[in-house]
Amino acid sequence: MLNNKYKIKSNRESGYGRYDIMMIPKNKEDLGIVIEFKKADVKDVQNLDCLVNRALEQIEYRNYIQELIDGDIQKIMKLGIAFKGKEIMMKKEMIKKYRKM
């Protein structure tokens, strides 16, 4: 369904690691998205808020957005998704300004 607007990549190297999913817009004016997933064991006491924040931090720390920056994508969203059994939490952060490396 998104084939017309996005190139979808998964588990590819960008920055200093491997992101889970990247949605690269075919139109450079559209939103680029990097998605990182975190899973808690059912027995794990970590809460989903902690895990989803860790996912967003990982996108930032490992510079997963670099591939989008190199492609001159101006609008970028980081999306962290954490789940534990049937519970799920998502958080997003928009990248406002960046500089090309």
C-alpha atoms as a PDB file:
ATOM      1  CA  MET A   1       0.000   0.000   0.000  1.00  0.00           C
ATOM      2  CA  LEU A   2       2.892   2.394   0.701  1.00  0.00           C
ATOM      3  CA  ASN A   3       4.915   1.306  -2.342  1.00  0.00           C
ATOM      4  CA  ASN A   4       3.881   4.393  -4.312  1.00  0.00           C
ATOM      5  CA  LYS A   5       5.188   6.827  -1.700  1.00  0.00           C
ATOM      6  CA  TYR A   6       7.924   5.017   0.229  1.00  0.00           C
ATOM      7  CA  LYS A   7      10.850   2.698  -0.118  1.00  0.00           C
ATOM      8  CA  ILE A   8      10.725   0.419   2.926  1.00  0.00           C
ATOM      9  CA  LYS A   9      13.973  -1.000   4.314  1.00  0.00           C
ATOM     10  CA  SER A  10      14.572  -3.157   7.365  1.00  0.00           C
ATOM     11  CA  ASN A  11      17.569  -4.141   9.431  1.00  0.00           C
ATOM     12  CA  ARG A  12      20.011  -2.153   7.322  1.00  0.00           C
ATOM     13  CA  GLU A  13      23.110  -0.350   8.429  1.00  0.00           C
ATOM     14  CA  SER A  14      22.914   3.416   8.908  1.00  0.00           C
ATOM     15  CA  GLY A  15      24.958   5.633  11.173  1.00  0.00           C
ATOM     16  CA  TYR A  16      26.499   3.420  13.845  1.00  0.00           C
ATOM     17  CA  GLY A  17      24.216   0.412  13.777  1.00  0.00           C
ATOM     18  CA  ARG A  18      21.187  -1.281  12.239  1.00  0.00           C
ATOM     19  CA  TYR A  19      17.714   0.226  12.471  1.00  0.00           C
ATOM     20  CA  ASP A  20      14.611  -1.978  12.548  1.00  0.00           C
ATOM     21  CA  ILE A  21      12.572  -0.220   9.823  1.00  0.00           C
ATOM     22  CA  MET A  22      13.144   2.855   7.695  1.00  0.00           C
ATOM     23  CA  MET A  23      10.555   4.459   5.451  1.00  0.00           C
ATOM     24  CA  ILE A  24      12.302   6.544   2.808  1.00  0.00           C
ATOM     25  CA  PRO A  25       9.931   8.863   0.949  1.00  0.00           C
ATOM     26  CA  LYS A  26      10.172   8.860  -2.834  1.00  0.00           C
ATOM     27  CA  ASN A  27       9.287  12.573  -2.734  1.00  0.00           C
ATOM     28  CA  LYS A  28      11.966  14.378  -0.714  1.00  0.00           C
ATOM     29  CA  GLU A  29       9.325  16.787   0.610  1.00  0.00           C
ATOM     30  CA  ASP A  30       7.486  13.956   2.398  1.00  0.00           C
ATOM     31  CA  LEU A  31       8.188  12.600   5.871  1.00  0.00           C
ATOM     32  CA  GLY A  32      11.005  10.081   6.392  1.00  0.00           C
ATOM     33  CA  ILE A  33      10.500   7.667   9.288  1.00  0.00           C
ATOM     34  CA  VAL A  34      12.870   5.510  11.342  1.00  0.00           C
ATOM     35  CA  ILE A  35      11.218   2.868  13.550  1.00  0.00           C
ATOM     36  CA  GLU A  36      12.881   1.021  16.414  1.00  0.00           C
ATOM     37  CA  PHE A  37      11.143  -1.803  18.320  1.00  0.00           C
ATOM     38  CA  LYS A  38      11.780  -2.955  21.887  1.00  0.00           C
ATOM     39  CA  LYS A  39      10.250  -6.112  23.366  1.00  0.00           C
ATOM     40  CA  ALA A  40       9.966  -6.866  27.060  1.00  0.00           C
ATOM     41  CA  ASP A  41       9.699 -10.407  28.323  1.00  0.00           C
ATOM     42  CA  VAL A  42       6.353 -11.128  29.923  1.00  0.00           C
ATOM     43  CA  LYS A  43       8.185 -11.699  33.244  1.00  0.00           C
ATOM     44  CA  ASP A  44      10.239  -8.507  32.801  1.00  0.00           C
ATOM     45  CA  VAL A  45       9.525  -5.697  35.259  1.00  0.00           C
ATOM     46  CA  GLN A  46      10.643  -2.957  32.868  1.00  0.00           C
ATOM     47  CA  ASN A  47       7.779  -0.701  31.984  1.00  0.00           C
ATOM     48  CA  LEU A  48       6.897   0.148  28.418  1.00  0.00           C
ATOM     49  CA  ASP A  49       7.611   3.843  28.886  1.00  0.00           C
ATOM     50  CA  CYS A  50      11.229   3.041  29.754  1.00  0.00           C
ATOM     51  CA  LEU A  51      11.580   0.740  26.737  1.00  0.00           C
ATOM     52  CA  VAL A  52      10.010   3.142  24.260  1.00  0.00           C
ATOM     53  CA  ASN A  53      12.320   5.915  25.468  1.00  0.00           C
ATOM     54  CA  ARG A  54      15.264   3.564  25.035  1.00  0.00           C
ATOM     55  CA  ALA A  55      14.170   2.910  21.447  1.00  0.00           C
ATOM     56  CA  LEU A  56      14.111   6.658  20.675  1.00  0.00           C
ATOM     57  CA  GLU A  57      17.481   7.138  22.372  1.00  0.00           C
ATOM     58  CA  GLN A  58      18.950   4.313  20.304  1.00  0.00           C
ATOM     59  CA  ILE A  59      17.826   5.972  17.066  1.00  0.00           C
ATOM     60  CA  GLU A  60      19.530   9.163  18.203  1.00  0.00           C
ATOM     61  CA  TYR A  61      22.676   7.638  19.723  1.00  0.00           C
ATOM     62  CA  ARG A  62      23.369   5.362  16.777  1.00  0.00           C
ATOM     63  CA  ASN A  63      22.473   8.079  14.260  1.00  0.00           C
ATOM     64  CA  TYR A  64      20.053   5.884  12.303  1.00  0.00           C
ATOM     65  CA  ILE A  65      18.667   8.953  10.514  1.00  0.00           C
ATOM     66  CA  GLN A  66      21.917   9.421   8.584  1.00  0.00           C
ATOM     67  CA  GLU A  67      20.621   7.596   5.500  1.00  0.00           C
ATOM     68  CA  LEU A  68      17.640   9.964   5.348  1.00  0.00           C
ATOM     69  CA  ILE A  69      19.911  12.980   5.808  1.00  0.00           C
ATOM     70  CA  ASP A  70      22.190  11.736   3.023  1.00  0.00           C
ATOM     71  CA  GLY A  71      19.086  11.489   0.809  1.00  0.00           C
ATOM     72  CA  ASP A  72      18.239  15.157   1.519  1.00  0.00           C
ATOM     73  CA  ILE A  73      15.033  14.269   3.360  1.00  0.00           C
ATOM     74  CA  GLN A  74      14.092  17.390   5.328  1.00  0.00           C
ATOM     75  CA  LYS A  75      11.260  16.086   7.528  1.00  0.00           C
ATOM     76  CA  ILE A  76      12.217  13.118   9.704  1.00  0.00           C
ATOM     77  CA  MET A  77      10.315  11.324  12.447  1.00  0.00           C
ATOM     78  CA  LYS A  78      11.758   8.891  14.987  1.00  0.00           C
ATOM     79  CA  LEU A  79       9.200   6.309  16.112  1.00  0.00           C
ATOM     80  CA  GLY A  80       9.810   4.087  19.131  1.00  0.00           C
ATOM     81  CA  ILE A  81       7.542   1.101  19.698  1.00  0.00           C
ATOM     82  CA  ALA A  82       7.672  -1.071  22.814  1.00  0.00           C
ATOM     83  CA  PHE A  83       5.556  -4.082  23.556  1.00  0.00           C
ATOM     84  CA  LYS A  84       5.053  -6.623  26.312  1.00  0.00           C
ATOM     85  CA  GLY A  85       2.604  -9.394  25.514  1.00  0.00           C
ATOM     86  CA  LYS A  86      -0.498  -7.609  24.224  1.00  0.00           C
ATOM     87  CA  GLU A  87       0.475  -4.238  25.694  1.00  0.00           C
ATOM     88  CA  ILE A  88       2.019  -1.699  23.346  1.00  0.00           C
ATOM     89  CA  MET A  89       3.305   1.853  23.609  1.00  0.00           C
ATOM     90  CA  MET A  90       4.512   4.195  20.885  1.00  0.00           C
ATOM     91  CA  LYS A  91       6.235   7.557  21.018  1.00  0.00           C
ATOM     92  CA  LYS A  92       7.369   9.802  18.210  1.00  0.00           C
ATOM     93  CA  GLU A  93       9.838  12.630  17.942  1.00  0.00           C
ATOM     94  CA  MET A  94      10.203  14.958  15.012  1.00  0.00           C
ATOM     95  CA  ILE A  95      13.700  15.974  13.929  1.00  0.00           C
ATOM     96  CA  LYS A  96      13.528  19.724  13.386  1.00  0.00           C
ATOM     97  CA  LYS A  97      17.039  20.604  12.323  1.00  0.00           C
ATOM     98  CA  TYR A  98      20.042  18.574  11.373  1.00  0.00           C
ATOM     99  CA  ARG A  99      23.297  19.085   9.621  1.00  0.00           C
ATOM    100  CA  LYS A 100      24.746  16.896   6.943  1.00  0.00           C
ATOM    101  CA  MET A 101      27.884  15.007   7.972  1.00  0.00           C
END
